[in-house]
Amino acid sequence: MTLTLTVALAGLAAALTVLFGWLGARPARPLAAPRLVPWRLLMIVAFAGAVAMLVHAVNLFRGR
């Protein structure tokens, strides 16, 4: 992967982390339908992807 693609994917993963964190932090509405999407789990997966892309970017800078 090129450095440009790596940085773009890291930015996308970081944006998704923020979005999923916001969606998971909304207050519960017990009278409405239950939440069926595990926002917290998606937030953790997106964060792990962002960290992986940042590690890959560092390795690209080091020349490995």
C-alpha atoms as a PDB file:
ATOM      1  CA  MET A   1       0.000   0.000   0.000  1.00  0.00           C
ATOM      2  CA  THR A   2       1.177   3.495  -0.691  1.00  0.00           C
ATOM      3  CA  LEU A   3       1.543   6.138   1.976  1.00  0.00           C
ATOM      4  CA  THR A   4      -1.353   8.152   0.526  1.00  0.00           C
ATOM      5  CA  LEU A   5      -3.755   5.221   0.700  1.00  0.00           C
ATOM      6  CA  THR A   6      -2.578   4.327   4.193  1.00  0.00           C
ATOM      7  CA  VAL A   7      -3.166   7.847   5.493  1.00  0.00           C
ATOM      8  CA  ALA A   8      -6.561   8.024   3.786  1.00  0.00           C
ATOM      9  CA  LEU A   9      -7.656   4.723   5.340  1.00  0.00           C
ATOM     10  CA  ALA A  10      -6.377   5.841   8.747  1.00  0.00           C
ATOM     11  CA  GLY A  11      -8.426   9.030   8.446  1.00  0.00           C
ATOM     12  CA  LEU A  12     -11.509   7.092   7.394  1.00  0.00           C
ATOM     13  CA  ALA A  13     -11.117   4.676  10.290  1.00  0.00           C
ATOM     14  CA  ALA A  14     -10.648   7.575  12.728  1.00  0.00           C
ATOM     15  CA  ALA A  15     -13.781   9.292  11.394  1.00  0.00           C
ATOM     16  CA  LEU A  16     -15.751   6.060  11.720  1.00  0.00           C
ATOM     17  CA  THR A  17     -14.476   5.659  15.283  1.00  0.00           C
ATOM     18  CA  VAL A  18     -15.830   9.090  16.192  1.00  0.00           C
ATOM     19  CA  LEU A  19     -19.145   8.454  14.409  1.00  0.00           C
ATOM     20  CA  PHE A  20     -19.680   5.065  16.030  1.00  0.00           C
ATOM     21  CA  GLY A  21     -18.734   6.477  19.441  1.00  0.00           C
ATOM     22  CA  TRP A  22     -21.306   9.231  19.024  1.00  0.00           C
ATOM     23  CA  LEU A  23     -24.003   6.811  17.896  1.00  0.00           C
ATOM     24  CA  GLY A  24     -23.268   4.475  20.809  1.00  0.00           C
ATOM     25  CA  ALA A  25     -23.388   7.284  23.372  1.00  0.00           C
ATOM     26  CA  ARG A  26     -26.896   8.418  22.543  1.00  0.00           C
ATOM     27  CA  PRO A  27     -29.355   7.982  25.395  1.00  0.00           C
ATOM     28  CA  ALA A  28     -31.529   4.903  25.367  1.00  0.00           C
ATOM     29  CA  ARG A  29     -35.190   5.268  24.421  1.00  0.00           C
ATOM     30  CA  PRO A  30     -36.986   2.387  26.133  1.00  0.00           C
ATOM     31  CA  LEU A  31     -40.331   3.013  24.380  1.00  0.00           C
ATOM     32  CA  ALA A  32     -38.773   2.962  20.920  1.00  0.00           C
ATOM     33  CA  ALA A  33     -37.474  -0.082  19.107  1.00  0.00           C
ATOM     34  CA  PRO A  34     -34.351  -1.680  20.623  1.00  0.00           C
ATOM     35  CA  ARG A  35     -30.947  -0.929  19.170  1.00  0.00           C
ATOM     36  CA  LEU A  36     -29.848  -3.753  16.930  1.00  0.00           C
ATOM     37  CA  VAL A  37     -26.448  -2.402  15.881  1.00  0.00           C
ATOM     38  CA  PRO A  38     -23.535  -2.906  18.319  1.00  0.00           C
ATOM     39  CA  TRP A  39     -22.087   0.619  18.004  1.00  0.00           C
ATOM     40  CA  ARG A  40     -19.466   0.118  20.737  1.00  0.00           C
ATOM     41  CA  LEU A  41     -18.075  -2.998  19.073  1.00  0.00           C
ATOM     42  CA  LEU A  42     -17.926  -1.217  15.711  1.00  0.00           C
ATOM     43  CA  MET A  43     -16.128   1.690  17.396  1.00  0.00           C
ATOM     44  CA  ILE A  44     -13.477  -0.665  18.807  1.00  0.00           C
ATOM     45  CA  VAL A  45     -12.995  -2.386  15.435  1.00  0.00           C
ATOM     46  CA  ALA A  46     -12.640   0.961  13.636  1.00  0.00           C
ATOM     47  CA  PHE A  47     -10.136   2.140  16.252  1.00  0.00           C
ATOM     48  CA  ALA A  48      -8.093  -1.026  15.815  1.00  0.00           C
ATOM     49  CA  GLY A  49      -8.085  -0.419  12.064  1.00  0.00           C
ATOM     50  CA  ALA A  50      -6.900   3.163  12.578  1.00  0.00           C
ATOM     51  CA  VAL A  51      -4.066   1.993  14.833  1.00  0.00           C
ATOM     52  CA  ALA A  52      -3.061  -0.673  12.318  1.00  0.00           C
ATOM     53  CA  MET A  53      -2.938   1.916   9.520  1.00  0.00           C
ATOM     54  CA  LEU A  54      -0.846   4.270  11.665  1.00  0.00           C
ATOM     55  CA  VAL A  55       1.614   1.476  12.447  1.00  0.00           C
ATOM     56  CA  HIS A  56       1.793   0.699   8.743  1.00  0.00           C
ATOM     57  CA  ALA A  57       2.466   4.380   7.980  1.00  0.00           C
ATOM     58  CA  VAL A  58       5.313   4.421  10.498  1.00  0.00           C
ATOM     59  CA  ASN A  59       6.793   1.311   8.884  1.00  0.00           C
ATOM     60  CA  LEU A  60       6.577   2.981   5.479  1.00  0.00           C
ATOM     61  CA  PHE A  61       8.516   5.968   6.855  1.00  0.00           C
ATOM     62  CA  ARG A  62      11.170   3.680   8.328  1.00  0.00           C
ATOM     63  CA  GLY A  63      11.629   1.934   5.009  1.00  0.00           C
ATOM     64  CA  ARG A  64      10.580  -1.568   5.913  1.00  0.00           C
END
